[in-house]
Protein backbone atom coordinates (compact mmCIF):
# COMPACT_ATOMS: atom_id res chain seq x y z
CA UNK A 1 -1.89 15.97 -20.93
CA UNK A 2 1.00 16.25 -23.68
CA UNK A 3 2.42 12.51 -23.99
CA UNK A 4 5.92 14.54 -24.32
CA UNK A 5 7.96 13.71 -20.73
CA UNK A 6 7.51 16.42 -18.88
CA UNK A 7 10.84 15.54 -17.00
CA UNK A 8 13.18 12.28 -16.84
CA UNK A 9 12.57 10.20 -14.01
CA UNK A 10 15.43 10.97 -11.19
CA UNK A 11 17.45 8.42 -10.39
CA UNK A 12 19.02 7.72 -6.70
CA UNK A 13 21.68 6.00 -5.22
CA UNK A 14 19.72 4.33 -2.20
CA UNK A 15 16.82 1.41 -3.66
CA UNK A 16 13.19 1.90 -3.50
CA UNK A 17 10.72 -0.37 -2.22
CA UNK A 18 7.56 -0.21 -4.18
CA UNK A 19 4.99 -1.35 -1.23
CA UNK A 20 1.93 -1.08 -2.68
CA UNK A 21 0.75 -1.98 -6.56
CA UNK A 22 -1.75 -4.23 -8.78
CA UNK A 23 0.81 -5.41 -11.19
CA UNK A 24 -2.17 -7.48 -12.61
CA UNK A 25 -3.84 -4.27 -13.57
CA UNK A 26 -0.66 -3.06 -15.28
CA UNK A 27 -1.27 -6.62 -17.55
CA UNK A 28 -2.14 -4.97 -20.50
CA UNK A 29 1.14 -2.95 -20.72
CA UNK A 30 3.75 -5.15 -21.16
CA UNK A 31 4.72 -6.40 -17.82
CA UNK A 32 7.90 -7.37 -17.87
CA UNK A 33 8.81 -4.19 -19.41
CA UNK A 34 7.27 -1.86 -16.65
CA UNK A 35 8.81 -4.46 -14.15
CA UNK A 36 12.00 -3.44 -15.89
CA UNK A 37 11.51 0.00 -16.05
CA UNK A 38 11.09 0.41 -12.18
CA UNK A 39 14.27 -1.64 -12.12
CA UNK A 40 16.60 0.50 -14.03
CA UNK A 41 15.56 3.85 -11.65
CA UNK A 42 16.67 1.81 -8.54
CA UNK A 43 13.19 -0.02 -7.50
CA UNK A 44 14.60 -3.58 -5.68
CA UNK A 45 11.39 -5.04 -4.51
CA UNK A 46 7.47 -4.75 -5.55
CA UNK A 47 4.29 -5.52 -3.22
CA UNK A 48 1.66 -6.07 -5.65
CA UNK A 49 -1.80 -6.38 -3.57
CA UNK A 50 -4.47 -8.52 -3.82
CA UNK A 51 -8.26 -7.05 -3.48
CA UNK A 52 -10.87 -9.30 -4.36
CA UNK A 53 -11.76 -13.18 -4.41
CA UNK A 54 -11.05 -13.37 -8.37
CA UNK A 55 -7.36 -12.11 -7.88
CA UNK A 56 -6.24 -14.12 -4.73
CA UNK A 57 -4.75 -16.91 -7.03
CA UNK A 58 -3.48 -14.28 -9.47
CA UNK A 59 -1.76 -11.93 -7.06
CA UNK A 60 0.14 -15.82 -5.87
CA UNK A 61 1.20 -16.69 -9.39
CA UNK A 62 2.09 -13.14 -10.00
CA UNK A 63 4.77 -13.40 -7.17
CA UNK A 64 6.45 -17.04 -8.62
CA UNK A 65 7.21 -14.99 -11.63
CA UNK A 66 10.22 -13.17 -10.26
CA UNK A 67 12.79 -13.17 -6.80
CA UNK A 68 11.39 -9.45 -6.54
CA UNK A 69 7.97 -9.80 -6.36
CA UNK A 70 6.13 -10.26 -3.18
CA UNK A 71 2.02 -10.10 -2.66
CA UNK A 72 -0.70 -10.25 -0.51
CA UNK A 73 -3.84 -11.85 0.15
CA UNK A 74 -7.21 -10.23 1.43
CA UNK A 75 -10.61 -8.38 0.40
CA UNK A 76 -10.81 -4.66 -0.53
CA UNK A 77 -13.52 -2.93 1.32
CA UNK A 78 -15.37 -2.57 -2.33
CA UNK A 79 -16.16 -6.49 -2.57
CA UNK A 80 -17.25 -6.96 0.98
CA UNK A 81 -20.34 -8.16 -0.38
CA UNK A 82 -18.36 -11.16 -1.38
CA UNK A 83 -17.19 -12.18 2.28
CA UNK A 84 -18.02 -15.60 3.29
CA UNK A 85 -16.65 -18.57 4.88
CA UNK A 86 -14.82 -19.70 1.34
CA UNK A 87 -13.63 -16.58 0.90
CA UNK A 88 -12.70 -16.08 4.44
CA UNK A 89 -11.02 -19.69 3.95
CA UNK A 90 -9.39 -19.22 0.57
CA UNK A 91 -7.62 -15.67 2.09
CA UNK A 92 -6.14 -17.84 5.05
CA UNK A 93 -5.00 -20.46 2.88
CA UNK A 94 -3.62 -18.49 0.33
CA UNK A 95 -1.78 -16.23 2.84
CA UNK A 96 0.71 -19.05 3.97
CA UNK A 97 2.21 -18.80 0.23
CA UNK A 98 5.76 -18.01 0.75
CA UNK A 99 5.95 -14.83 -1.00
CA UNK A 100 2.80 -13.68 0.89
CA UNK A 101 3.66 -11.03 3.39
CA UNK A 102 0.66 -9.59 4.56
CA UNK A 103 -3.51 -9.70 4.46
CA UNK A 104 -4.95 -6.95 2.80
CA UNK A 105 -6.08 -4.80 0.97
CA UNK A 106 -8.34 -4.66 3.49
CA UNK A 107 -10.33 -1.73 5.53
CA UNK A 108 -13.29 0.81 5.29
CA UNK A 109 -14.58 2.84 2.39
CA UNK A 110 -17.34 4.81 2.71
CA UNK A 111 -16.46 7.34 0.07
CA UNK A 112 -18.14 4.98 -2.53
CA UNK A 113 -21.23 2.78 -2.16
CA UNK A 114 -20.05 -0.37 -3.59
CA UNK A 115 -20.98 -2.60 -0.51
CA UNK A 116 -22.88 -2.53 2.31
CA UNK A 117 -21.40 -0.77 5.82
CA UNK A 118 -22.09 -3.67 7.56
CA UNK A 119 -20.58 -5.82 5.59
CA UNK A 120 -17.64 -3.82 5.28
CA UNK A 121 -16.97 -4.11 8.99
CA UNK A 122 -17.59 -7.58 9.15
CA UNK A 123 -15.20 -8.64 6.46
CA UNK A 124 -12.55 -5.90 7.89
CA UNK A 125 -12.75 -7.76 11.45
CA UNK A 126 -12.47 -11.15 10.63
CA UNK A 127 -9.61 -10.33 7.87
CA UNK A 128 -7.94 -8.74 10.84
CA UNK A 129 -8.46 -11.66 12.88
CA UNK A 130 -6.64 -13.84 10.13
CA UNK A 131 -3.68 -11.97 10.07
CA UNK A 132 -3.64 -12.27 13.92
CA UNK A 133 -3.73 -16.32 13.64
CA UNK A 134 -1.24 -15.78 10.85
CA UNK A 135 1.06 -13.66 12.75
CA UNK A 136 1.01 -11.23 9.46
CA UNK A 137 1.23 -7.25 9.43
CA UNK A 138 -2.16 -6.26 7.95
CA UNK A 139 -2.36 -3.77 4.63
CA UNK A 140 -5.94 -1.08 5.23
CA UNK A 141 -7.45 0.78 3.22
CA UNK A 142 -9.86 3.44 4.86
CA UNK A 143 -11.74 6.37 2.80
CA UNK A 144 -14.24 8.42 4.89
CA UNK A 145 -14.42 6.06 7.54
CA UNK A 146 -11.80 7.63 10.14
CA UNK A 147 -14.06 6.99 13.18
CA UNK A 148 -14.87 3.66 12.01
CA UNK A 149 -11.65 2.51 11.24
CA UNK A 150 -10.06 3.73 14.70
CA UNK A 151 -13.15 1.96 16.45
CA UNK A 152 -12.34 -1.29 14.96
CA UNK A 153 -8.39 -1.02 15.13
CA UNK A 154 -8.77 -0.09 19.09
CA UNK A 155 -10.42 -3.54 19.03
CA UNK A 156 -7.46 -5.15 17.19
CA UNK A 157 -4.66 -3.36 17.39
CA UNK A 158 -3.25 -5.42 20.55
CA UNK A 159 -3.72 -8.78 18.79
CA UNK A 160 -1.52 -7.83 15.60
CA UNK A 161 1.83 -8.02 16.70
CA UNK A 162 3.23 -7.06 13.37
CA UNK A 163 1.11 -3.76 12.88
CA UNK A 164 0.76 -3.12 9.26
CA UNK A 165 0.08 -0.02 6.98
CA UNK A 166 -2.35 2.53 6.41
CA UNK A 167 -1.93 2.90 2.57
CA UNK A 168 -2.45 5.80 0.44
CA UNK A 169 -3.16 8.00 3.59
CA UNK A 170 -5.44 10.38 2.97
CA UNK A 171 -7.35 10.61 6.07
CA UNK A 172 -7.43 13.46 8.71
CA UNK A 173 -4.81 13.85 11.17
CA UNK A 174 -6.36 12.74 14.76
CA UNK A 175 -6.75 9.24 12.82
CA UNK A 176 -3.00 9.23 11.82
CA UNK A 177 -1.96 10.20 15.34
CA UNK A 178 -3.92 7.44 16.74
CA UNK A 179 -2.43 4.67 13.66
CA UNK A 180 1.20 5.79 14.49
CA UNK A 181 0.71 5.24 17.94
CA UNK A 182 -0.16 1.95 17.75
CA UNK A 183 2.85 1.27 15.64
CA UNK A 184 1.37 1.50 12.20
CA UNK A 185 3.03 2.96 8.93
CA UNK A 186 1.53 5.29 6.52
CA UNK A 187 1.97 5.06 3.17
CA UNK A 188 2.14 7.76 0.79
CA UNK A 189 1.86 7.85 -2.90
CA UNK A 190 1.80 10.50 -5.69
CA UNK A 191 -1.16 12.05 -4.22
CA UNK A 192 1.55 14.26 -1.90
CA UNK A 193 2.26 15.89 -5.39
CA UNK A 194 -1.22 17.18 -6.42
CA UNK A 195 -1.96 20.50 -6.41
CA UNK A 196 -5.23 19.89 -4.07
CA UNK A 197 -3.61 17.30 -2.16
CA UNK A 198 -2.60 19.83 0.94
CA UNK A 199 -4.53 17.93 3.65
CA UNK A 200 -2.00 14.76 2.63
CA UNK A 201 0.85 16.80 2.89
CA UNK A 202 0.05 17.72 6.49
CA UNK A 203 0.12 14.29 7.60
CA UNK A 204 3.32 14.25 5.70
CA UNK A 205 5.21 16.44 8.02
CA UNK A 206 3.45 15.20 11.11
CA UNK A 207 4.43 11.89 10.55
CA UNK A 208 7.73 10.72 11.82
CA UNK A 209 10.19 9.39 8.31
CA UNK A 210 10.89 6.01 10.69
CA UNK A 211 7.07 5.21 10.08
CA UNK A 212 6.60 6.08 6.54
CA UNK A 213 6.96 3.77 3.55
CA UNK A 214 6.51 4.74 -0.03
CA UNK A 215 4.10 3.57 -2.59
CA UNK A 216 2.27 3.98 -5.98
CA UNK A 217 -1.04 2.21 -6.25
CA UNK A 218 -0.20 1.37 -9.31
CA UNK A 219 -2.23 2.01 -11.89
CA UNK A 220 -4.16 4.60 -10.13
CA UNK A 221 -2.54 8.28 -8.72
CA UNK A 222 0.23 8.58 -11.21
CA UNK A 223 2.52 11.73 -9.40
CA UNK A 224 3.14 15.27 -10.88
CA UNK A 225 4.71 15.66 -13.30
CA UNK A 226 3.44 12.44 -15.42
CA UNK A 227 -0.32 12.79 -13.98
CA UNK A 228 -2.66 11.83 -16.67
CA UNK A 229 -0.84 8.70 -17.70
CA UNK A 230 -1.11 5.11 -16.30
CA UNK A 231 0.65 4.91 -13.14
CA UNK A 232 3.41 2.15 -12.46
CA UNK A 233 6.21 1.72 -10.14
CA UNK A 234 8.66 3.34 -12.31
CA UNK A 235 7.35 6.53 -10.91
CA UNK A 236 8.40 6.01 -7.53
CA UNK A 237 11.06 8.36 -7.67
CA UNK A 238 8.89 11.58 -7.85
CA UNK A 239 6.88 10.44 -4.33
CA UNK A 240 10.09 10.09 -2.88
CA UNK A 241 11.66 13.51 -3.70
CA UNK A 242 8.24 14.94 -2.65
CA UNK A 243 8.29 13.40 0.34
CA UNK A 244 11.74 14.56 1.27
CA UNK A 245 11.01 18.08 0.17
CA UNK A 246 8.09 18.18 2.96
CA UNK A 247 10.07 16.32 5.67
CA UNK A 248 12.93 18.63 4.74
CA UNK A 249 15.48 15.93 4.69
CA UNK A 250 18.24 14.97 1.98
CA UNK A 251 16.16 12.24 -0.42
CA UNK A 252 18.97 9.57 0.15
CA UNK A 253 18.72 9.40 3.70
CA UNK A 254 14.63 9.75 3.35
CA UNK A 255 15.00 6.00 0.95
CA UNK A 256 17.61 4.59 3.50
CA UNK A 257 15.13 5.04 6.06
CA UNK A 258 12.12 4.24 3.81
CA UNK A 259 13.70 1.35 2.64
CA UNK A 260 14.43 -0.11 6.40
CA UNK A 261 11.10 0.69 7.08
CA UNK A 262 9.86 -1.66 4.14
CA UNK A 263 11.74 -4.51 5.40
CA UNK A 264 10.71 -3.93 8.92
CA UNK A 265 6.82 -3.91 7.76
CA UNK A 266 7.30 -6.92 5.21
CA UNK A 267 10.50 -8.75 5.12
CA UNK A 268 12.27 -8.73 8.48
CA UNK A 269 11.03 -12.57 9.54
CA UNK A 270 10.97 -13.97 6.53
C-alpha cells in the first residue's frame, strides 16, 4: 500500500492501555520513538509479551526501561517443544519480577505445526499451574484448537483466581461464550478491521463491553487503514473506534470501560 498517510490517527480524551504487544520485535525501529508516538495519542501503559525461552529476560529488561512498560513471562505454543524443567523454572522465577503482571503467552496453536500437540498441551497445563501457584492471570493464545483449549481450561479455570485474557480472539462463538462464562476477558485487535473478519466482529458484538480489552499484537495485524505497515501501539485508536462501532457505543465510553477492564485484569492488585 502507499506510504502516504491514509488518515490521521484519532485522539481521544480517555487513555488507552495496550494489553498485548511485542516491544522487543520493534527494536529495529527506534523503540523510544515508537513508544513516544503511542504516548502522544493517549496510550498510557504497555504490556509486552514473552513467547520463548530466549526472550523471557529481554521482556523483564524492557519493563525496567520505563514506568509505563509492564510484561509477562511464558512460552508460546509454537515454542512448546523447548519446554522442560529448566524453562519452567525460568518462567516461575521470572514471573516474580515486580513488573511482571501475567503468565503468557501460553496456549494451543493447531493452525501451524511448529510444535507437537502433546508438547503444547503439556506446556499449557504446566504454565496454568504456575499461574495458579503465583496467583497471576494468564494470557492465552488459541488458534484452530477450540475444543482442546476448552477442555484444558475446564480443568484449570476454577484454580485461576484472576483468570486472564484470550488474546487476539479469532475462535468460534462457543469458545467465546465458555471463556466469558468463566470470567475471562477477550482481547481484540486490528483483525476487527479486516474485510474478511466478520466472524471476529460477530464475537465482538456478542461480548459484554465489561469483558473486552484492546491490543495491537504489534508488530503484527496492523489495522485498516494502515494495513501493510509494521504495527505498533500508536494504532490502538483505530481498534478502539472499530470496537466502539461494533458495540454501538461512544468511543470515549468504550475506552473508559476497557481501561477499567485492563486495570482489573493486570494492575489492580499491584
